[in-house]
Amino acid sequence: MSHQVVGIVINRLLTDEDLRIRFALDPIETLADLSFRGLELTPEEVDVFIRTDTRTWFWSHELLGDRVH
């Protein structure tokens, strides 16, 4: 189940501009909110998201095209 949740979080970060901005400003609070809403990540997964360069989530639509589902 955890891999599925990681995929959902990645998809949301790539497609939801408000979530991306919240995550860039406060990743811990944003991940806690997602967990509260049922998208629970392991501590290791949370650590990976927090350590990821936030610019990763701001790829433009022109770069990705319609590849994000």
Protein backbone atom coordinates (compact mmCIF):
# COMPACT_ATOMS: atom_id res chain seq x y z
CA MET A 1 0.00 0.00 0.00
CA SER A 2 2.83 2.40 0.79
CA HIS A 3 4.14 2.50 -2.80
CA GLN A 4 0.65 3.43 -3.93
CA VAL A 5 0.52 6.29 -1.40
CA VAL A 6 3.95 7.54 -2.51
CA GLY A 7 2.68 7.58 -6.10
CA ILE A 8 -0.44 9.50 -5.10
CA VAL A 9 1.62 12.10 -3.21
CA ILE A 10 4.03 12.50 -6.15
CA ASN A 11 1.13 12.89 -8.58
CA ARG A 12 -0.54 15.49 -6.37
CA LEU A 13 2.69 17.45 -5.96
CA LEU A 14 3.18 17.52 -9.72
CA THR A 15 -0.41 18.43 -10.57
CA ASP A 16 -1.74 20.54 -7.67
CA GLU A 17 -0.17 24.00 -7.67
CA ASP A 18 -1.56 24.99 -4.25
CA LEU A 19 -0.20 21.80 -2.68
CA ARG A 20 3.21 22.39 -4.34
CA ILE A 21 3.43 25.88 -2.89
CA ARG A 22 2.35 24.70 0.57
CA PHE A 23 4.92 21.91 0.38
CA ALA A 24 7.70 24.30 -0.69
CA LEU A 25 6.92 26.60 2.23
CA ASP A 26 6.38 23.92 4.90
CA PRO A 27 6.94 20.33 3.78
CA ILE A 28 6.49 18.78 7.22
CA GLU A 29 3.13 20.45 7.84
CA THR A 30 1.97 19.60 4.32
CA LEU A 31 2.89 15.93 4.69
CA ALA A 32 1.24 15.86 8.13
CA ASP A 33 -1.94 17.25 6.58
CA LEU A 34 -1.86 14.62 3.83
CA SER A 35 -1.40 11.95 6.49
CA PHE A 36 -4.37 13.34 8.41
CA ARG A 37 -6.38 13.00 5.19
CA GLY A 38 -5.46 9.31 4.88
CA LEU A 39 -2.25 9.43 2.81
CA GLU A 40 0.05 7.97 5.44
CA LEU A 41 3.74 7.69 4.62
CA THR A 42 6.40 5.81 6.53
CA PRO A 43 9.00 7.90 8.37
CA GLU A 44 11.55 6.93 5.70
CA GLU A 45 9.24 8.09 2.91
CA VAL A 46 8.58 11.38 4.70
CA ASP A 47 12.35 11.85 5.01
CA VAL A 48 12.84 11.29 1.28
CA PHE A 49 10.15 13.83 0.40
CA ILE A 50 11.63 16.39 2.80
CA ARG A 51 15.15 15.88 1.41
CA THR A 52 13.99 16.20 -2.20
CA ASP A 53 14.86 19.49 -3.87
CA THR A 54 11.53 21.34 -3.96
CA ARG A 55 12.28 22.53 -7.50
CA THR A 56 11.54 18.94 -8.53
CA TRP A 57 7.82 19.56 -8.01
CA PHE A 58 7.73 22.75 -10.07
CA TRP A 59 8.40 21.23 -13.47
CA SER A 60 6.36 23.08 -16.03
CA HIS A 61 3.53 21.58 -18.03
CA GLU A 62 5.60 22.25 -21.15
CA LEU A 63 8.33 19.90 -19.90
CA LEU A 64 5.97 17.13 -18.85
CA GLY A 65 3.22 17.49 -21.40
CA ASP A 66 0.34 15.13 -20.65
CA ARG A 67 2.57 12.45 -19.11
CA VAL A 68 1.40 13.11 -15.53
CA HIS A 69 -1.76 11.18 -14.75
